[in-house]
C-alpha atoms as a PDB file:
ATOM      1  CA  UNK A   1     119.294 115.271 179.405  1.00  0.00           C
ATOM      2  CA  UNK A   2     119.285 118.363 177.323  1.00  0.00           C
ATOM      3  CA  UNK A   3     122.366 120.108 176.620  1.00  0.00           C
ATOM      4  CA  UNK A   4     122.540 123.800 178.123  1.00  0.00           C
ATOM      5  CA  UNK A   5     122.025 126.360 175.674  1.00  0.00           C
ATOM      6  CA  UNK A   6     125.530 127.623 176.101  1.00  0.00           C
ATOM      7  CA  UNK A   7     127.008 124.146 175.507  1.00  0.00           C
ATOM      8  CA  UNK A   8     125.026 123.762 172.206  1.00  0.00           C
ATOM      9  CA  UNK A   9     126.315 127.155 171.092  1.00  0.00           C
ATOM     10  CA  UNK A  10     129.927 126.130 171.887  1.00  0.00           C
ATOM     11  CA  UNK A  11     129.372 122.974 170.036  1.00  0.00           C
ATOM     12  CA  UNK A  12     127.752 124.836 166.933  1.00  0.00           C
ATOM     13  CA  UNK A  13     130.532 127.284 166.738  1.00  0.00           C
ATOM     14  CA  UNK A  14     133.230 124.473 166.942  1.00  0.00           C
ATOM     15  CA  UNK A  15     131.439 122.462 164.103  1.00  0.00           C
ATOM     16  CA  UNK A  16     131.324 125.815 161.950  1.00  0.00           C
ATOM     17  CA  UNK A  17     134.933 126.304 162.557  1.00  0.00           C
ATOM     18  CA  UNK A  18     135.985 122.819 161.635  1.00  0.00           C
ATOM     19  CA  UNK A  19     133.778 122.821 158.424  1.00  0.00           C
ATOM     20  CA  UNK A  20     135.233 126.305 157.560  1.00  0.00           C
ATOM     21  CA  UNK A  21     138.813 125.149 157.993  1.00  0.00           C
ATOM     22  CA  UNK A  22     138.022 122.067 156.036  1.00  0.00           C
ATOM     23  CA  UNK A  23     136.612 124.154 153.302  1.00  0.00           C
ATOM     24  CA  UNK A  24     133.004 122.647 153.553  1.00  0.00           C
ATOM     25  CA  UNK A  25     130.264 123.914 151.080  1.00  0.00           C
ATOM     26  CA  UNK A  26     126.876 124.446 152.246  1.00  0.00           C
ATOM     27  CA  UNK A  27     124.529 121.620 151.564  1.00  0.00           C
ATOM     28  CA  UNK A  28     122.325 121.944 148.623  1.00  0.00           C
ATOM     29  CA  UNK A  29     118.719 122.439 150.049  1.00  0.00           C
ATOM     30  CA  UNK A  30     115.390 123.239 148.467  1.00  0.00           C
ATOM     31  CA  UNK A  31     114.914 127.087 148.280  1.00  0.00           C
ATOM     32  CA  UNK A  32     118.595 127.829 148.200  1.00  0.00           C
ATOM     33  CA  UNK A  33     120.413 129.173 145.031  1.00  0.00           C
ATOM     34  CA  UNK A  34     122.065 126.444 142.685  1.00  0.00           C
ATOM     35  CA  UNK A  35     125.738 126.914 143.018  1.00  0.00           C
ATOM     36  CA  UNK A  36     127.082 127.739 139.646  1.00  0.00           C
ATOM     37  CA  UNK A  37     129.638 125.452 137.656  1.00  0.00           C
ATOM     38  CA  UNK A  38     131.148 125.252 134.253  1.00  0.00           C
ATOM     39  CA  UNK A  39     131.919 121.805 133.007  1.00  0.00           C
ATOM     40  CA  UNK A  40     133.121 120.324 129.716  1.00  0.00           C
ATOM     41  CA  UNK A  41     130.659 118.254 127.666  1.00  0.00           C
ATOM     42  CA  UNK A  42     130.811 115.149 125.644  1.00  0.00           C
ATOM     43  CA  UNK A  43     130.715 117.314 122.568  1.00  0.00           C
ATOM     44  CA  UNK A  44     133.641 119.516 123.664  1.00  0.00           C
ATOM     45  CA  UNK A  45     132.173 122.689 124.639  1.00  0.00           C
ATOM     46  CA  UNK A  46     131.705 124.178 128.145  1.00  0.00           C
ATOM     47  CA  UNK A  47     128.376 124.355 129.792  1.00  0.00           C
ATOM     48  CA  UNK A  48     127.811 126.952 132.495  1.00  0.00           C
ATOM     49  CA  UNK A  49     124.625 126.406 134.758  1.00  0.00           C
ATOM     50  CA  UNK A  50     124.052 130.400 135.310  1.00  0.00           C
ATOM     51  CA  UNK A  51     123.525 130.487 131.400  1.00  0.00           C
ATOM     52  CA  UNK A  52     120.714 128.313 131.712  1.00  0.00           C
ATOM     53  CA  UNK A  53     118.492 130.646 133.727  1.00  0.00           C
ATOM     54  CA  UNK A  54     114.859 130.970 132.324  1.00  0.00           C
ATOM     55  CA  UNK A  55     114.790 127.195 131.947  1.00  0.00           C
ATOM     56  CA  UNK A  56     113.928 124.423 134.285  1.00  0.00           C
ATOM     57  CA  UNK A  57     117.208 122.484 134.799  1.00  0.00           C
ATOM     58  CA  UNK A  58     117.626 118.856 136.062  1.00  0.00           C
ATOM     59  CA  UNK A  59     121.090 117.909 137.106  1.00  0.00           C
ATOM     60  CA  UNK A  60     121.803 114.189 137.446  1.00  0.00           C
ATOM     61  CA  UNK A  61     124.973 113.401 139.053  1.00  0.00           C
ATOM     62  CA  UNK A  62     125.878 109.692 137.865  1.00  0.00           C
ATOM     63  CA  UNK A  63     128.948 107.174 137.378  1.00  0.00           C
ATOM     64  CA  UNK A  64     129.407 104.139 135.090  1.00  0.00           C
ATOM     65  CA  UNK A  65     130.014 101.844 138.073  1.00  0.00           C
ATOM     66  CA  UNK A  66     126.559 102.777 139.466  1.00  0.00           C
ATOM     67  CA  UNK A  67     123.853 100.185 138.648  1.00  0.00           C
ATOM     68  CA  UNK A  68     120.999 102.341 139.671  1.00  0.00           C
ATOM     69  CA  UNK A  69     122.474 105.100 137.444  1.00  0.00           C
ATOM     70  CA  UNK A  70     122.227 102.884 134.418  1.00  0.00           C
ATOM     71  CA  UNK A  71     118.653 101.760 135.191  1.00  0.00           C
ATOM     72  CA  UNK A  72     117.621 105.672 135.468  1.00  0.00           C
ATOM     73  CA  UNK A  73     119.310 106.900 132.335  1.00  0.00           C
ATOM     74  CA  UNK A  74     116.716 105.797 129.915  1.00  0.00           C
ATOM     75  CA  UNK A  75     113.933 107.103 132.045  1.00  0.00           C
ATOM     76  CA  UNK A  76     115.765 110.664 132.107  1.00  0.00           C
ATOM     77  CA  UNK A  77     116.131 110.404 128.319  1.00  0.00           C
ATOM     78  CA  UNK A  78     112.449 110.029 127.942  1.00  0.00           C
ATOM     79  CA  UNK A  79     111.727 113.229 130.213  1.00  0.00           C
ATOM     80  CA  UNK A  80     114.297 115.231 128.225  1.00  0.00           C
ATOM     81  CA  UNK A  81     112.665 114.301 124.972  1.00  0.00           C
ATOM     82  CA  UNK A  82     109.343 115.151 126.428  1.00  0.00           C
ATOM     83  CA  UNK A  83     110.116 118.463 127.822  1.00  0.00           C
ATOM     84  CA  UNK A  84     113.018 119.879 125.987  1.00  0.00           C
ATOM     85  CA  UNK A  85     111.112 121.981 123.803  1.00  0.00           C
ATOM     86  CA  UNK A  86     108.928 123.480 126.634  1.00  0.00           C
ATOM     87  CA  UNK A  87     112.026 125.216 128.404  1.00  0.00           C
ATOM     88  CA  UNK A  88     113.627 122.144 130.029  1.00  0.00           C
ATOM     89  CA  UNK A  89     117.126 120.892 129.948  1.00  0.00           C
ATOM     90  CA  UNK A  90     118.910 118.135 131.590  1.00  0.00           C
ATOM     91  CA  UNK A  91     122.537 117.852 132.356  1.00  0.00           C
ATOM     92  CA  UNK A  92     124.101 114.486 133.117  1.00  0.00           C
ATOM     93  CA  UNK A  93     127.056 115.068 135.397  1.00  0.00           C
ATOM     94  CA  UNK A  94     129.511 112.073 135.157  1.00  0.00           C
ATOM     95  CA  UNK A  95     132.124 111.837 138.184  1.00  0.00           C
ATOM     96  CA  UNK A  96     134.235 109.010 136.582  1.00  0.00           C
ATOM     97  CA  UNK A  97     137.883 109.760 136.156  1.00  0.00           C
ATOM     98  CA  UNK A  98     137.833 108.309 132.505  1.00  0.00           C
ATOM     99  CA  UNK A  99     135.494 110.473 130.401  1.00  0.00           C
ATOM    100  CA  UNK A 100     135.757 107.972 127.593  1.00  0.00           C
ATOM    101  CA  UNK A 101     134.117 105.082 129.347  1.00  0.00           C
ATOM    102  CA  UNK A 102     131.329 107.521 130.342  1.00  0.00           C
ATOM    103  CA  UNK A 103     130.761 108.575 126.808  1.00  0.00           C
ATOM    104  CA  UNK A 104     130.792 104.905 125.620  1.00  0.00           C
ATOM    105  CA  UNK A 105     128.074 104.117 128.261  1.00  0.00           C
ATOM    106  CA  UNK A 106     126.196 107.209 127.369  1.00  0.00           C
ATOM    107  CA  UNK A 107     126.269 106.064 123.778  1.00  0.00           C
ATOM    108  CA  UNK A 108     125.332 102.626 124.326  1.00  0.00           C
ATOM    109  CA  UNK A 109     122.438 103.740 126.452  1.00  0.00           C
ATOM    110  CA  UNK A 110     121.291 106.148 123.612  1.00  0.00           C
ATOM    111  CA  UNK A 111     121.575 109.233 125.810  1.00  0.00           C
ATOM    112  CA  UNK A 112     120.652 112.348 123.895  1.00  0.00           C
ATOM    113  CA  UNK A 113     120.852 114.982 126.808  1.00  0.00           C
ATOM    114  CA  UNK A 114     124.290 116.622 127.574  1.00  0.00           C
ATOM    115  CA  UNK A 115     126.649 114.709 129.401  1.00  0.00           C
ATOM    116  CA  UNK A 116     129.044 116.863 131.338  1.00  0.00           C
ATOM    117  CA  UNK A 117     132.486 115.608 133.140  1.00  0.00           C
ATOM    118  CA  UNK A 118     133.348 116.082 136.762  1.00  0.00           C
ATOM    119  CA  UNK A 119     136.364 113.871 137.019  1.00  0.00           C
ATOM    120  CA  UNK A 120     137.919 115.668 139.969  1.00  0.00           C
ATOM    121  CA  UNK A 121     134.581 115.348 141.539  1.00  0.00           C
ATOM    122  CA  UNK A 122     134.809 119.287 142.409  1.00  0.00           C
ATOM    123  CA  UNK A 123     131.165 119.793 141.517  1.00  0.00           C
ATOM    124  CA  UNK A 124     129.866 116.740 143.304  1.00  0.00           C
ATOM    125  CA  UNK A 125     131.640 118.022 146.139  1.00  0.00           C
ATOM    126  CA  UNK A 126     130.139 121.579 145.865  1.00  0.00           C
ATOM    127  CA  UNK A 127     126.784 120.063 145.732  1.00  0.00           C
ATOM    128  CA  UNK A 128     127.704 117.934 148.779  1.00  0.00           C
ATOM    129  CA  UNK A 129     126.607 114.577 147.148  1.00  0.00           C
ATOM    130  CA  UNK A 130     127.225 111.284 148.932  1.00  0.00           C
ATOM    131  CA  UNK A 131     124.803 109.185 146.631  1.00  0.00           C
ATOM    132  CA  UNK A 132     124.802 108.029 143.255  1.00  0.00           C
ATOM    133  CA  UNK A 133     122.725 108.927 141.433  1.00  0.00           C
ATOM    134  CA  UNK A 134     121.734 112.213 143.057  1.00  0.00           C
ATOM    135  CA  UNK A 135     119.335 114.515 141.165  1.00  0.00           C
ATOM    136  CA  UNK A 136     118.652 118.162 141.617  1.00  0.00           C
ATOM    137  CA  UNK A 137     115.838 120.166 139.998  1.00  0.00           C
ATOM    138  CA  UNK A 138     116.547 123.901 139.674  1.00  0.00           C
ATOM    139  CA  UNK A 139     113.834 126.261 138.748  1.00  0.00           C
ATOM    140  CA  UNK A 140     113.818 129.111 136.093  1.00  0.00           C
ATOM    141  CA  UNK A 141     115.327 131.619 138.736  1.00  0.00           C
ATOM    142  CA  UNK A 142     118.272 129.177 139.373  1.00  0.00           C
ATOM    143  CA  UNK A 143     116.816 128.206 142.506  1.00  0.00           C
ATOM    144  CA  UNK A 144     117.077 124.450 143.883  1.00  0.00           C
ATOM    145  CA  UNK A 145     113.430 123.109 144.323  1.00  0.00           C
ATOM    146  CA  UNK A 146     114.060 119.445 144.686  1.00  0.00           C
ATOM    147  CA  UNK A 147     116.832 117.162 145.755  1.00  0.00           C
ATOM    148  CA  UNK A 148     116.611 113.259 145.357  1.00  0.00           C
ATOM    149  CA  UNK A 149     119.243 110.808 146.304  1.00  0.00           C
ATOM    150  CA  UNK A 150     119.522 107.483 144.832  1.00  0.00           C
ATOM    151  CA  UNK A 151     117.009 106.142 142.287  1.00  0.00           C
ATOM    152  CA  UNK A 152     113.974 103.361 142.617  1.00  0.00           C
ATOM    153  CA  UNK A 153     111.153 102.611 140.436  1.00  0.00           C
ATOM    154  CA  UNK A 154     108.565 105.531 140.356  1.00  0.00           C
ATOM    155  CA  UNK A 155     111.287 108.321 140.690  1.00  0.00           C
ATOM    156  CA  UNK A 156     110.746 109.138 136.896  1.00  0.00           C
ATOM    157  CA  UNK A 157     107.062 109.819 137.505  1.00  0.00           C
ATOM    158  CA  UNK A 158     107.941 111.939 140.555  1.00  0.00           C
ATOM    159  CA  UNK A 159     110.387 113.891 138.196  1.00  0.00           C
ATOM    160  CA  UNK A 160     107.765 114.311 135.538  1.00  0.00           C
ATOM    161  CA  UNK A 161     105.391 115.652 137.921  1.00  0.00           C
ATOM    162  CA  UNK A 162     107.953 118.104 139.578  1.00  0.00           C
ATOM    163  CA  UNK A 163     109.301 119.258 136.004  1.00  0.00           C
ATOM    164  CA  UNK A 164     105.788 120.013 134.751  1.00  0.00           C
ATOM    165  CA  UNK A 165     104.946 122.283 137.839  1.00  0.00           C
ATOM    166  CA  UNK A 166     108.194 124.079 137.601  1.00  0.00           C
ATOM    167  CA  UNK A 167     107.514 124.569 133.822  1.00  0.00           C
ATOM    168  CA  UNK A 168     103.934 126.009 134.671  1.00  0.00           C
ATOM    169  CA  UNK A 169     105.238 128.607 137.119  1.00  0.00           C
END
């Protein structure tokens, strides 16, 4: 039996208030502005997302304990190499508490794209990610265009097609 409109409105308001009191962030959805962040990179410099406007940006959230993340990293590296001279950048946001283990794994896997550290998971919470890996593709205007959760064979081809399309815009 459908809920009366007044009941739905009351439940929606209660959910909104609970989220507001818990300091919830809005879910990242295609078409929304990408939440800005600044994180330290493996080379010691800070990287701010907003400063990358004008480029297509792929933000990949990963962890050393995540098997699919390890499998995906070489594929992401190929995309980075293929498109970085065309206005594309890739940021690998690691959520491990120990940045040294993340740096070691990135080195072992031959990662050349910037690796950023989100040890307190503030940015992954800002982006409301519950799955590792999670990948967000952002257009040149700073808007989220695609969100992918997890990794399976074939995702790299999907990323390639999406990146190529965004670069043409």
